[in-house]
Amino acid sequence: MNKNIVKEKSFDFAIRIVKLYKYLMDEKKEFVLSKQILRSGTSIGANINEAQQGQSKKDFLMKMNISLKECTETKYWIELLSATDYINQEQKDSIIKDCIELEKLLTSIVKTTSNQMD
């Protein structure tokens, strides 16, 4: 059975985002930014899963592009949480590393799929 690396990594990332959300809500009493990062960070994997059931290459590509955009948005929220001292540098470095890895995988998938459609 083939492993779907991007699907697995996005699921693991979503787990980290949910845990970050809980931490922000419980420990930092932060209720606005935490919801934003929860939405965008978990949306990455949800759109990847939807892409797997795409009705066409175009549909697949559209969902992967949405995942990529959500990944970019999540990076923004991580940077903002760090800049406003809701997370420390170590927390930021750890989670943003995973986000950048996902972003690179998604960029590669989008480019490869786009080239196959040309």
PDB file of N, CA and C in Angstrom:
ATOM      1  N   MET A   1       0.841  -1.177   0.000  1.00  0.00           N
ATOM      2  CA  MET A   1       0.000   0.000   0.000  1.00  0.00           C
ATOM      3  C   MET A   1       0.889   1.246   0.000  1.00  0.00           C
ATOM      4  N   ASN A   2       0.626   2.163  -0.902  1.00  0.00           N
ATOM      5  CA  ASN A   2       1.422   3.390  -1.009  1.00  0.00           C
ATOM      6  C   ASN A   2       1.105   4.341   0.131  1.00  0.00           C
ATOM      7  N   LYS A   3       2.184   4.938   0.660  1.00  0.00           N
ATOM      8  CA  LYS A   3       2.000   5.962   1.682  1.00  0.00           C
ATOM      9  C   LYS A   3       1.805   7.299   0.980  1.00  0.00           C
ATOM     10  N   ASN A   4       0.880   8.055   1.473  1.00  0.00           N
ATOM     11  CA  ASN A   4       0.645   9.390   0.947  1.00  0.00           C
ATOM     12  C   ASN A   4       1.269  10.377   1.936  1.00  0.00           C
ATOM     13  N   ILE A   5       2.513  10.768   1.637  1.00  0.00           N
ATOM     14  CA  ILE A   5       3.299  11.584   2.558  1.00  0.00           C
ATOM     15  C   ILE A   5       2.612  12.913   2.876  1.00  0.00           C
ATOM     16  N   VAL A   6       2.125  13.610   1.852  1.00  0.00           N
ATOM     17  CA  VAL A   6       1.521  14.926   2.088  1.00  0.00           C
ATOM     18  C   VAL A   6       0.246  14.792   2.927  1.00  0.00           C
ATOM     19  N   LYS A   7      -0.482  13.722   2.712  1.00  0.00           N
ATOM     20  CA  LYS A   7      -1.700  13.493   3.495  1.00  0.00           C
ATOM     21  C   LYS A   7      -1.345  13.219   4.960  1.00  0.00           C
ATOM     22  N   GLU A   8      -0.341  12.391   5.185  1.00  0.00           N
ATOM     23  CA  GLU A   8       0.092  12.068   6.545  1.00  0.00           C
ATOM     24  C   GLU A   8       0.654  13.295   7.263  1.00  0.00           C
ATOM     25  N   LYS A   9       1.513  14.033   6.569  1.00  0.00           N
ATOM     26  CA  LYS A   9       2.133  15.208   7.174  1.00  0.00           C
ATOM     27  C   LYS A   9       1.093  16.293   7.473  1.00  0.00           C
ATOM     28  N   SER A  10       0.119  16.438   6.603  1.00  0.00           N
ATOM     29  CA  SER A  10      -0.915  17.454   6.855  1.00  0.00           C
ATOM     30  C   SER A  10      -1.797  17.047   8.032  1.00  0.00           C
ATOM     31  N   PHE A  11      -2.030  15.748   8.203  1.00  0.00           N
ATOM     32  CA  PHE A  11      -2.817  15.278   9.345  1.00  0.00           C
ATOM     33  C   PHE A  11      -2.052  15.508  10.646  1.00  0.00           C
ATOM     34  N   ASP A  12      -0.768  15.147  10.640  1.00  0.00           N
ATOM     35  CA  ASP A  12       0.067  15.374  11.826  1.00  0.00           C
ATOM     36  C   ASP A  12       0.154  16.864  12.148  1.00  0.00           C
ATOM     37  N   PHE A  13       0.242  17.689  11.107  1.00  0.00           N
ATOM     38  CA  PHE A  13       0.292  19.140  11.302  1.00  0.00           C
ATOM     39  C   PHE A  13      -1.023  19.632  11.909  1.00  0.00           C
ATOM     40  N   ALA A  14      -2.137  19.108  11.436  1.00  0.00           N
ATOM     41  CA  ALA A  14      -3.448  19.501  11.979  1.00  0.00           C
ATOM     42  C   ALA A  14      -3.545  19.159  13.465  1.00  0.00           C
ATOM     43  N   ILE A  15      -2.985  18.034  13.854  1.00  0.00           N
ATOM     44  CA  ILE A  15      -2.973  17.660  15.271  1.00  0.00           C
ATOM     45  C   ILE A  15      -2.185  18.703  16.071  1.00  0.00           C
ATOM     46  N   ARG A  16      -1.033  19.105  15.549  1.00  0.00           N
ATOM     47  CA  ARG A  16      -0.232  20.133  16.226  1.00  0.00           C
ATOM     48  C   ARG A  16      -1.000  21.450  16.330  1.00  0.00           C
ATOM     49  N   ILE A  17      -1.725  21.789  15.281  1.00  0.00           N
ATOM     50  CA  ILE A  17      -2.499  23.034  15.275  1.00  0.00           C
ATOM     51  C   ILE A  17      -3.622  22.975  16.315  1.00  0.00           C
ATOM     52  N   VAL A  18      -4.300  21.842  16.418  1.00  0.00           N
ATOM     53  CA  VAL A  18      -5.367  21.694  17.411  1.00  0.00           C
ATOM     54  C   VAL A  18      -4.783  21.830  18.821  1.00  0.00           C
ATOM     55  N   LYS A  19      -3.626  21.226  19.035  1.00  0.00           N
ATOM     56  CA  LYS A  19      -2.975  21.343  20.350  1.00  0.00           C
ATOM     57  C   LYS A  19      -2.540  22.780  20.626  1.00  0.00           C
ATOM     58  N   LEU A  20      -2.047  23.461  19.596  1.00  0.00           N
ATOM     59  CA  LEU A  20      -1.688  24.874  19.752  1.00  0.00           C
ATOM     60  C   LEU A  20      -2.935  25.699  20.090  1.00  0.00           C
ATOM     61  N   TYR A  21      -4.019  25.419  19.404  1.00  0.00           N
ATOM     62  CA  TYR A  21      -5.290  26.104  19.668  1.00  0.00           C
ATOM     63  C   TYR A  21      -5.702  25.941  21.136  1.00  0.00           C
ATOM     64  N   LYS A  22      -5.655  24.703  21.623  1.00  0.00           N
ATOM     65  CA  LYS A  22      -6.016  24.444  23.016  1.00  0.00           C
ATOM     66  C   LYS A  22      -5.099  25.212  23.967  1.00  0.00           C
ATOM     67  N   TYR A  23      -3.813  25.203  23.678  1.00  0.00           N
ATOM     68  CA  TYR A  23      -2.845  25.930  24.494  1.00  0.00           C
ATOM     69  C   TYR A  23      -3.157  27.427  24.518  1.00  0.00           C
ATOM     70  N   LEU A  24      -3.419  27.989  23.347  1.00  0.00           N
ATOM     71  CA  LEU A  24      -3.718  29.421  23.266  1.00  0.00           C
ATOM     72  C   LEU A  24      -4.999  29.770  24.025  1.00  0.00           C
ATOM     73  N   MET A  25      -5.988  28.932  23.920  1.00  0.00           N
ATOM     74  CA  MET A  25      -7.259  29.172  24.606  1.00  0.00           C
ATOM     75  C   MET A  25      -7.113  29.007  26.126  1.00  0.00           C
ATOM     76  N   ASP A  26      -6.498  27.912  26.546  1.00  0.00           N
ATOM     77  CA  ASP A  26      -6.435  27.583  27.968  1.00  0.00           C
ATOM     78  C   ASP A  26      -5.368  28.373  28.724  1.00  0.00           C
ATOM     79  N   GLU A  27      -4.179  28.448  28.147  1.00  0.00           N
ATOM     80  CA  GLU A  27      -3.053  29.054  28.854  1.00  0.00           C
ATOM     81  C   GLU A  27      -2.923  30.559  28.614  1.00  0.00           C
ATOM     82  N   LYS A  28      -3.159  30.982  27.387  1.00  0.00           N
ATOM     83  CA  LYS A  28      -2.935  32.383  27.023  1.00  0.00           C
ATOM     84  C   LYS A  28      -4.219  33.209  26.989  1.00  0.00           C
ATOM     85  N   LYS A  29      -5.355  32.518  27.084  1.00  0.00           N
ATOM     86  CA  LYS A  29      -6.665  33.192  27.023  1.00  0.00           C
ATOM     87  C   LYS A  29      -6.784  34.050  25.757  1.00  0.00           C
ATOM     88  N   GLU A  30      -6.309  33.483  24.654  1.00  0.00           N
ATOM     89  CA  GLU A  30      -6.349  34.163  23.356  1.00  0.00           C
ATOM     90  C   GLU A  30      -7.459  33.500  22.546  1.00  0.00           C
ATOM     91  N   PHE A  31      -8.464  34.288  22.123  1.00  0.00           N
ATOM     92  CA  PHE A  31      -9.664  33.704  21.528  1.00  0.00           C
ATOM     93  C   PHE A  31      -9.906  34.086  20.065  1.00  0.00           C
ATOM     94  N   VAL A  32      -9.114  34.985  19.508  1.00  0.00           N
ATOM     95  CA  VAL A  32      -9.344  35.428  18.138  1.00  0.00           C
ATOM     96  C   VAL A  32      -8.322  34.803  17.182  1.00  0.00           C
ATOM     97  N   LEU A  33      -7.056  35.073  17.412  1.00  0.00           N
ATOM     98  CA  LEU A  33      -6.011  34.519  16.546  1.00  0.00           C
ATOM     99  C   LEU A  33      -6.016  32.993  16.578  1.00  0.00           C
ATOM    100  N   SER A  34      -6.322  32.441  17.732  1.00  0.00           N
ATOM    101  CA  SER A  34      -6.336  30.980  17.871  1.00  0.00           C
ATOM    102  C   SER A  34      -7.372  30.342  16.942  1.00  0.00           C
ATOM    103  N   LYS A  35      -8.514  30.988  16.785  1.00  0.00           N
ATOM    104  CA  LYS A  35      -9.540  30.454  15.873  1.00  0.00           C
ATOM    105  C   LYS A  35      -9.095  30.561  14.416  1.00  0.00           C
ATOM    106  N   GLN A  36      -8.374  31.629  14.101  1.00  0.00           N
ATOM    107  CA  GLN A  36      -7.877  31.810  12.732  1.00  0.00           C
ATOM    108  C   GLN A  36      -6.881  30.710  12.363  1.00  0.00           C
ATOM    109  N   ILE A  37      -5.934  30.453  13.262  1.00  0.00           N
ATOM    110  CA  ILE A  37      -4.923  29.435  12.956  1.00  0.00           C
ATOM    111  C   ILE A  37      -5.531  28.033  12.975  1.00  0.00           C
ATOM    112  N   LEU A  38      -6.524  27.824  13.821  1.00  0.00           N
ATOM    113  CA  LEU A  38      -7.222  26.531  13.834  1.00  0.00           C
ATOM    114  C   LEU A  38      -7.892  26.291  12.486  1.00  0.00           C
ATOM    115  N   ARG A  39      -8.576  27.310  11.983  1.00  0.00           N
ATOM    116  CA  ARG A  39      -9.285  27.175  10.711  1.00  0.00           C
ATOM    117  C   ARG A  39      -8.319  26.912   9.552  1.00  0.00           C
ATOM    118  N   SER A  40      -7.303  27.768   9.420  1.00  0.00           N
ATOM    119  CA  SER A  40      -6.401  27.622   8.271  1.00  0.00           C
ATOM    120  C   SER A  40      -5.511  26.394   8.403  1.00  0.00           C
ATOM    121  N   GLY A  41      -5.027  26.118   9.610  1.00  0.00           N
ATOM    122  CA  GLY A  41      -4.105  24.992   9.805  1.00  0.00           C
ATOM    123  C   GLY A  41      -4.728  23.629   9.612  1.00  0.00           C
ATOM    124  N   THR A  42      -6.008  23.500   9.955  1.00  0.00           N
ATOM    125  CA  THR A  42      -6.683  22.214   9.748  1.00  0.00           C
ATOM    126  C   THR A  42      -7.272  22.107   8.343  1.00  0.00           C
ATOM    127  N   SER A  43      -7.469  23.230   7.699  1.00  0.00           N
ATOM    128  CA  SER A  43      -8.010  23.245   6.338  1.00  0.00           C
ATOM    129  C   SER A  43      -7.025  22.668   5.319  1.00  0.00           C
ATOM    130  N   ILE A  44      -5.749  22.755   5.625  1.00  0.00           N
ATOM    131  CA  ILE A  44      -4.727  22.229   4.703  1.00  0.00           C
ATOM    132  C   ILE A  44      -5.007  20.758   4.412  1.00  0.00           C
ATOM    133  N   GLY A  45      -5.072  19.959   5.466  1.00  0.00           N
ATOM    134  CA  GLY A  45      -5.303  18.525   5.307  1.00  0.00           C
ATOM    135  C   GLY A  45      -6.686  18.196   4.776  1.00  0.00           C
ATOM    136  N   ALA A  46      -7.676  18.979   5.187  1.00  0.00           N
ATOM    137  CA  ALA A  46      -9.040  18.730   4.708  1.00  0.00           C
ATOM    138  C   ALA A  46      -9.107  18.881   3.185  1.00  0.00           C
ATOM    139  N   ASN A  47      -8.438  19.905   2.657  1.00  0.00           N
ATOM    140  CA  ASN A  47      -8.443  20.106   1.202  1.00  0.00           C
ATOM    141  C   ASN A  47      -7.599  19.067   0.474  1.00  0.00           C
ATOM    142  N   ILE A  48      -6.533  18.610   1.094  1.00  0.00           N
ATOM    143  CA  ILE A  48      -5.735  17.529   0.508  1.00  0.00           C
ATOM    144  C   ILE A  48      -6.589  16.275   0.411  1.00  0.00           C
ATOM    145  N   ASN A  49      -7.345  15.990   1.462  1.00  0.00           N
ATOM    146  CA  ASN A  49      -8.236  14.820   1.428  1.00  0.00           C
ATOM    147  C   ASN A  49      -9.288  14.962   0.343  1.00  0.00           C
ATOM    148  N   GLU A  50      -9.848  16.146   0.213  1.00  0.00           N
ATOM    149  CA  GLU A  50     -10.830  16.377  -0.848  1.00  0.00           C
ATOM    150  C   GLU A  50     -10.196  16.202  -2.226  1.00  0.00           C
ATOM    151  N   ALA A  51      -8.965  16.661  -2.371  1.00  0.00           N
ATOM    152  CA  ALA A  51      -8.275  16.554  -3.662  1.00  0.00           C
ATOM    153  C   ALA A  51      -8.118  15.100  -4.088  1.00  0.00           C
ATOM    154  N   GLN A  52      -7.931  14.215  -3.121  1.00  0.00           N
ATOM    155  CA  GLN A  52      -7.773  12.790  -3.429  1.00  0.00           C
ATOM    156  C   GLN A  52      -9.017  12.220  -4.108  1.00  0.00           C
ATOM    157  N   GLN A  53     -10.145  12.858  -3.879  1.00  0.00           N
ATOM    158  CA  GLN A  53     -11.398  12.414  -4.480  1.00  0.00           C
ATOM    159  C   GLN A  53     -11.817  13.310  -5.649  1.00  0.00           C
ATOM    160  N   GLY A  54     -10.868  14.092  -6.141  1.00  0.00           N
ATOM    161  CA  GLY A  54     -11.161  15.015  -7.238  1.00  0.00           C
ATOM    162  C   GLY A  54     -11.744  14.301  -8.444  1.00  0.00           C
ATOM    163  N   GLN A  55     -12.662  14.965  -9.102  1.00  0.00           N
ATOM    164  CA  GLN A  55     -13.330  14.374 -10.258  1.00  0.00           C
ATOM    165  C   GLN A  55     -12.494  14.488 -11.523  1.00  0.00           C
ATOM    166  N   SER A  56     -11.464  15.327 -11.472  1.00  0.00           N
ATOM    167  CA  SER A  56     -10.584  15.519 -12.623  1.00  0.00           C
ATOM    168  C   SER A  56      -9.261  16.069 -12.115  1.00  0.00           C
ATOM    169  N   LYS A  57      -8.282  16.125 -13.016  1.00  0.00           N
ATOM    170  CA  LYS A  57      -6.990  16.731 -12.647  1.00  0.00           C
ATOM    171  C   LYS A  57      -7.180  18.194 -12.281  1.00  0.00           C
ATOM    172  N   LYS A  58      -8.077  18.858 -12.983  1.00  0.00           N
ATOM    173  CA  LYS A  58      -8.349  20.269 -12.704  1.00  0.00           C
ATOM    174  C   LYS A  58      -8.913  20.437 -11.285  1.00  0.00           C
ATOM    175  N   ASP A  59      -9.832  19.560 -10.904  1.00  0.00           N
ATOM    176  CA  ASP A  59     -10.417  19.579  -9.570  1.00  0.00           C
ATOM    177  C   ASP A  59      -9.334  19.301  -8.520  1.00  0.00           C
ATOM    178  N   PHE A  60      -8.501  18.294  -8.780  1.00  0.00           N
ATOM    179  CA  PHE A  60      -7.394  17.952  -7.888  1.00  0.00           C
ATOM    180  C   PHE A  60      -6.471  19.159  -7.707  1.00  0.00           C
ATOM    181  N   LEU A  61      -6.105  19.780  -8.814  1.00  0.00           N
ATOM    182  CA  LEU A  61      -5.200  20.931  -8.775  1.00  0.00           C
ATOM    183  C   LEU A  61      -5.820  22.093  -7.996  1.00  0.00           C
ATOM    184  N   MET A  62      -7.089  22.336  -8.182  1.00  0.00           N
ATOM    185  CA  MET A  62      -7.763  23.424  -7.481  1.00  0.00           C
ATOM    186  C   MET A  62      -7.702  23.209  -5.962  1.00  0.00           C
ATOM    187  N   LYS A  63      -7.981  21.990  -5.514  1.00  0.00           N
ATOM    188  CA  LYS A  63      -7.961  21.697  -4.077  1.00  0.00           C
ATOM    189  C   LYS A  63      -6.544  21.781  -3.512  1.00  0.00           C
ATOM    190  N   MET A  64      -5.566  21.343  -4.282  1.00  0.00           N
ATOM    191  CA  MET A  64      -4.176  21.425  -3.826  1.00  0.00           C
ATOM    192  C   MET A  64      -3.729  22.886  -3.750  1.00  0.00           C
ATOM    193  N   ASN A  65      -4.183  23.702  -4.676  1.00  0.00           N
ATOM    194  CA  ASN A  65      -3.880  25.131  -4.619  1.00  0.00           C
ATOM    195  C   ASN A  65      -4.510  25.774  -3.383  1.00  0.00           C
ATOM    196  N   ILE A  66      -5.722  25.369  -3.051  1.00  0.00           N
ATOM    197  CA  ILE A  66      -6.367  25.884  -1.841  1.00  0.00           C
ATOM    198  C   ILE A  66      -5.553  25.466  -0.611  1.00  0.00           C
ATOM    199  N   SER A  67      -5.100  24.222  -0.583  1.00  0.00           N
ATOM    200  CA  SER A  67      -4.265  23.757   0.530  1.00  0.00           C
ATOM    201  C   SER A  67      -3.003  24.598   0.651  1.00  0.00           C
ATOM    202  N   LEU A  68      -2.394  24.898  -0.471  1.00  0.00           N
ATOM    203  CA  LEU A  68      -1.180  25.719  -0.484  1.00  0.00           C
ATOM    204  C   LEU A  68      -1.467  27.114   0.062  1.00  0.00           C
ATOM    205  N   LYS A  69      -2.578  27.693  -0.348  1.00  0.00           N
ATOM    206  CA  LYS A  69      -2.951  29.023   0.159  1.00  0.00           C
ATOM    207  C   LYS A  69      -3.214  28.990   1.669  1.00  0.00           C
ATOM    208  N   GLU A  70      -3.872  27.957   2.135  1.00  0.00           N
ATOM    209  CA  GLU A  70      -4.141  27.816   3.571  1.00  0.00           C
ATOM    210  C   GLU A  70      -2.831  27.649   4.347  1.00  0.00           C
ATOM    211  N   CYS A  71      -1.886  26.969   3.745  1.00  0.00           N
ATOM    212  CA  CYS A  71      -0.575  26.787   4.361  1.00  0.00           C
ATOM    213  C   CYS A  71       0.134  28.136   4.503  1.00  0.00           C
ATOM    214  N   THR A  72       0.079  28.933   3.455  1.00  0.00           N
ATOM    215  CA  THR A  72       0.675  30.269   3.484  1.00  0.00           C
ATOM    216  C   THR A  72      -0.002  31.135   4.535  1.00  0.00           C
ATOM    217  N   GLU A  73      -1.311  31.047   4.632  1.00  0.00           N
ATOM    218  CA  GLU A  73      -2.041  31.809   5.645  1.00  0.00           C
ATOM    219  C   GLU A  73      -1.643  31.352   7.052  1.00  0.00           C
ATOM    220  N   THR A  74      -1.505  30.059   7.229  1.00  0.00           N
ATOM    221  CA  THR A  74      -1.128  29.525   8.540  1.00  0.00           C
ATOM    222  C   THR A  74       0.245  30.042   8.962  1.00  0.00           C
ATOM    223  N   LYS A  75       1.161  30.126   8.006  1.00  0.00           N
ATOM    224  CA  LYS A  75       2.484  30.692   8.308  1.00  0.00           C
ATOM    225  C   LYS A  75       2.350  32.116   8.826  1.00  0.00           C
ATOM    226  N   TYR A  76       1.463  32.881   8.223  1.00  0.00           N
ATOM    227  CA  TYR A  76       1.221  34.259   8.663  1.00  0.00           C
ATOM    228  C   TYR A  76       0.758  34.287  10.119  1.00  0.00           C
ATOM    229  N   TRP A  77      -0.206  33.427  10.471  1.00  0.00           N
ATOM    230  CA  TRP A  77      -0.725  33.410  11.838  1.00  0.00           C
ATOM    231  C   TRP A  77       0.355  32.981  12.827  1.00  0.00           C
ATOM    232  N   ILE A  78       1.200  32.044  12.430  1.00  0.00           N
ATOM    233  CA  ILE A  78       2.300  31.616  13.304  1.00  0.00           C
ATOM    234  C   ILE A  78       3.242  32.794  13.557  1.00  0.00           C
ATOM    235  N   GLU A  79       3.589  33.496  12.495  1.00  0.00           N
ATOM    236  CA  GLU A  79       4.472  34.671  12.625  1.00  0.00           C
ATOM    237  C   GLU A  79       3.833  35.725  13.526  1.00  0.00           C
ATOM    238  N   LEU A  80       2.540  35.957  13.354  1.00  0.00           N
ATOM    239  CA  LEU A  80       1.838  36.957  14.154  1.00  0.00           C
ATOM    240  C   LEU A  80       1.768  36.537  15.628  1.00  0.00           C
ATOM    241  N   LEU A  81       1.492  35.272  15.879  1.00  0.00           N
ATOM    242  CA  LEU A  81       1.461  34.778  17.259  1.00  0.00           C
ATOM    243  C   LEU A  81       2.823  34.936  17.923  1.00  0.00           C
ATOM    244  N   SER A  82       3.869  34.735  17.166  1.00  0.00           N
ATOM    245  CA  SER A  82       5.219  34.912  17.689  1.00  0.00           C
ATOM    246  C   SER A  82       5.525  36.389  17.948  1.00  0.00           C
ATOM    247  N   ALA A  83       5.195  37.235  16.991  1.00  0.00           N
ATOM    248  CA  ALA A  83       5.480  38.674  17.102  1.00  0.00           C
ATOM    249  C   ALA A  83       4.713  39.323  18.247  1.00  0.00           C
ATOM    250  N   THR A  84       3.592  38.735  18.631  1.00  0.00           N
ATOM    251  CA  THR A  84       2.777  39.290  19.715  1.00  0.00           C
ATOM    252  C   THR A  84       2.967  38.518  21.030  1.00  0.00           C
ATOM    253  N   ASP A  85       4.003  37.690  21.064  1.00  0.00           N
ATOM    254  CA  ASP A  85       4.418  36.962  22.275  1.00  0.00           C
ATOM    255  C   ASP A  85       3.395  35.959  22.805  1.00  0.00           C
ATOM    256  N   TYR A  86       2.545  35.432  21.938  1.00  0.00           N
ATOM    257  CA  TYR A  86       1.652  34.356  22.363  1.00  0.00           C
ATOM    258  C   TYR A  86       2.359  33.008  22.311  1.00  0.00           C
ATOM    259  N   ILE A  87       3.364  32.891  21.425  1.00  0.00           N
ATOM    260  CA  ILE A  87       4.216  31.708  21.407  1.00  0.00           C
ATOM    261  C   ILE A  87       5.663  32.181  21.433  1.00  0.00           C
ATOM    262  N   ASN A  88       6.533  31.370  22.008  1.00  0.00           N
ATOM    263  CA  ASN A  88       7.940  31.753  22.081  1.00  0.00           C
ATOM    264  C   ASN A  88       8.689  31.321  20.815  1.00  0.00           C
ATOM    265  N   GLN A  89       9.928  31.697  20.722  1.00  0.00           N
ATOM    266  CA  GLN A  89      10.725  31.426  19.525  1.00  0.00           C
ATOM    267  C   GLN A  89      10.854  29.925  19.249  1.00  0.00           C
ATOM    268  N   GLU A  90      11.046  29.156  20.289  1.00  0.00           N
ATOM    269  CA  GLU A  90      11.183  27.703  20.132  1.00  0.00           C
ATOM    270  C   GLU A  90       9.896  27.092  19.574  1.00  0.00           C
ATOM    271  N   GLN A  91       8.756  27.515  20.103  1.00  0.00           N
ATOM    272  CA  GLN A  91       7.471  27.023  19.606  1.00  0.00           C
ATOM    273  C   GLN A  91       7.284  27.426  18.147  1.00  0.00           C
ATOM    274  N   LYS A  92       7.595  28.675  17.853  1.00  0.00           N
ATOM    275  CA  LYS A  92       7.451  29.174  16.480  1.00  0.00           C
ATOM    276  C   LYS A  92       8.327  28.378  15.527  1.00  0.00           C
ATOM    277  N   ASP A  93       9.603  28.232  15.870  1.00  0.00           N
ATOM    278  CA  ASP A  93      10.550  27.537  14.985  1.00  0.00           C
ATOM    279  C   ASP A  93      10.106  26.112  14.702  1.00  0.00           C
ATOM    280  N   SER A  94       9.600  25.441  15.715  1.00  0.00           N
ATOM    281  CA  SER A  94       9.179  24.056  15.572  1.00  0.00           C
ATOM    282  C   SER A  94       7.986  23.912  14.631  1.00  0.00           C
ATOM    283  N   ILE A  95       6.963  24.706  14.868  1.00  0.00           N
ATOM    284  CA  ILE A  95       5.734  24.553  14.075  1.00  0.00           C
ATOM    285  C   ILE A  95       5.887  25.150  12.673  1.00  0.00           C
ATOM    286  N   ILE A  96       6.658  26.217  12.554  1.00  0.00           N
ATOM    287  CA  ILE A  96       6.812  26.829  11.222  1.00  0.00           C
ATOM    288  C   ILE A  96       7.657  25.928  10.319  1.00  0.00           C
ATOM    289  N   LYS A  97       8.570  25.168  10.922  1.00  0.00           N
ATOM    290  CA  LYS A  97       9.365  24.202  10.152  1.00  0.00           C
ATOM    291  C   LYS A  97       8.439  23.190   9.474  1.00  0.00           C
ATOM    292  N   ASP A  98       7.479  22.681  10.225  1.00  0.00           N
ATOM    293  CA  ASP A  98       6.514  21.726   9.662  1.00  0.00           C
ATOM    294  C   ASP A  98       5.641  22.381   8.593  1.00  0.00           C
ATOM    295  N   CYS A  99       5.274  23.616   8.827  1.00  0.00           N
ATOM    296  CA  CYS A  99       4.441  24.348   7.872  1.00  0.00           C
ATOM    297  C   CYS A  99       5.197  24.571   6.561  1.00  0.00           C
ATOM    298  N   ILE A 100       6.449  24.952   6.655  1.00  0.00           N
ATOM    299  CA  ILE A 100       7.276  25.183   5.461  1.00  0.00           C
ATOM    300  C   ILE A 100       7.486  23.878   4.697  1.00  0.00           C
ATOM    301  N   GLU A 101       7.661  22.787   5.418  1.00  0.00           N
ATOM    302  CA  GLU A 101       7.808  21.480   4.765  1.00  0.00           C
ATOM    303  C   GLU A 101       6.547  21.133   3.973  1.00  0.00           C
ATOM    304  N   LEU A 102       5.394  21.361   4.568  1.00  0.00           N
ATOM    305  CA  LEU A 102       4.129  21.134   3.864  1.00  0.00           C
ATOM    306  C   LEU A 102       4.013  22.049   2.648  1.00  0.00           C
ATOM    307  N   GLU A 103       4.392  23.300   2.824  1.00  0.00           N
ATOM    308  CA  GLU A 103       4.327  24.272   1.736  1.00  0.00           C
ATOM    309  C   GLU A 103       5.188  23.821   0.546  1.00  0.00           C
ATOM    310  N   LYS A 104       6.375  23.313   0.836  1.00  0.00           N
ATOM    311  CA  LYS A 104       7.265  22.826  -0.228  1.00  0.00           C
ATOM    312  C   LYS A 104       6.664  21.616  -0.945  1.00  0.00           C
ATOM    313  N   LEU A 105       6.108  20.683  -0.188  1.00  0.00           N
ATOM    314  CA  LEU A 105       5.466  19.507  -0.789  1.00  0.00           C
ATOM    315  C   LEU A 105       4.299  19.931  -1.684  1.00  0.00           C
ATOM    316  N   LEU A 106       3.470  20.814  -1.169  1.00  0.00           N
ATOM    317  CA  LEU A 106       2.306  21.271  -1.936  1.00  0.00           C
ATOM    318  C   LEU A 106       2.722  22.049  -3.178  1.00  0.00           C
ATOM    319  N   THR A 107       3.739  22.872  -3.068  1.00  0.00           N
ATOM    320  CA  THR A 107       4.232  23.624  -4.226  1.00  0.00           C
ATOM    321  C   THR A 107       4.700  22.659  -5.309  1.00  0.00           C
ATOM    322  N   SER A 108       5.414  21.634  -4.902  1.00  0.00           N
ATOM    323  CA  SER A 108       5.892  20.632  -5.856  1.00  0.00           C
ATOM    324  C   SER A 108       4.730  19.902  -6.530  1.00  0.00           C
ATOM    325  N   ILE A 109       3.738  19.520  -5.758  1.00  0.00           N
ATOM    326  CA  ILE A 109       2.567  18.823  -6.311  1.00  0.00           C
ATOM    327  C   ILE A 109       1.825  19.724  -7.291  1.00  0.00           C
ATOM    328  N   VAL A 110       1.632  20.971  -6.914  1.00  0.00           N
ATOM    329  CA  VAL A 110       0.919  21.921  -7.776  1.00  0.00           C
ATOM    330  C   VAL A 110       1.682  22.136  -9.081  1.00  0.00           C
ATOM    331  N   LYS A 111       2.992  22.338  -8.999  1.00  0.00           N
ATOM    332  CA  LYS A 111       3.792  22.565 -10.202  1.00  0.00           C
ATOM    333  C   LYS A 111       3.794  21.346 -11.102  1.00  0.00           C
ATOM    334  N   THR A 112       3.983  20.167 -10.521  1.00  0.00           N
ATOM    335  CA  THR A 112       4.011  18.935 -11.305  1.00  0.00           C
ATOM    336  C   THR A 112       2.668  18.687 -11.988  1.00  0.00           C
ATOM    337  N   THR A 113       1.583  18.861 -11.248  1.00  0.00           N
ATOM    338  CA  THR A 113       0.249  18.654 -11.805  1.00  0.00           C
ATOM    339  C   THR A 113      -0.040  19.676 -12.908  1.00  0.00           C
ATOM    340  N   SER A 114       0.342  20.923 -12.683  1.00  0.00           N
ATOM    341  CA  SER A 114       0.141  21.972 -13.695  1.00  0.00           C
ATOM    342  C   SER A 114       0.887  21.630 -14.976  1.00  0.00           C
ATOM    343  N   ASN A 115       2.130  21.173 -14.828  1.00  0.00           N
ATOM    344  CA  ASN A 115       2.940  20.820 -15.998  1.00  0.00           C
ATOM    345  C   ASN A 115       2.339  19.640 -16.762  1.00  0.00           C
ATOM    346  N   GLN A 116       1.722  18.720 -16.041  1.00  0.00           N
ATOM    347  CA  GLN A 116       1.090  17.561 -16.690  1.00  0.00           C
ATOM    348  C   GLN A 116      -0.146  17.968 -17.477  1.00  0.00           C
ATOM    349  N   MET A 117      -0.737  19.083 -17.091  1.00  0.00           N
ATOM    350  CA  MET A 117      -1.966  19.529 -17.761  1.00  0.00           C
ATOM    351  C   MET A 117      -1.671  20.414 -18.977  1.00  0.00           C
ATOM    352  N   ASP A 118      -0.446  20.929 -19.071  1.00  0.00           N
ATOM    353  CA  ASP A 118      -0.091  21.806 -20.209  1.00  0.00           C
ATOM    354  C   ASP A 118       0.026  21.035 -21.501  1.00  0.00           C
TER     355      ASP A 118
END
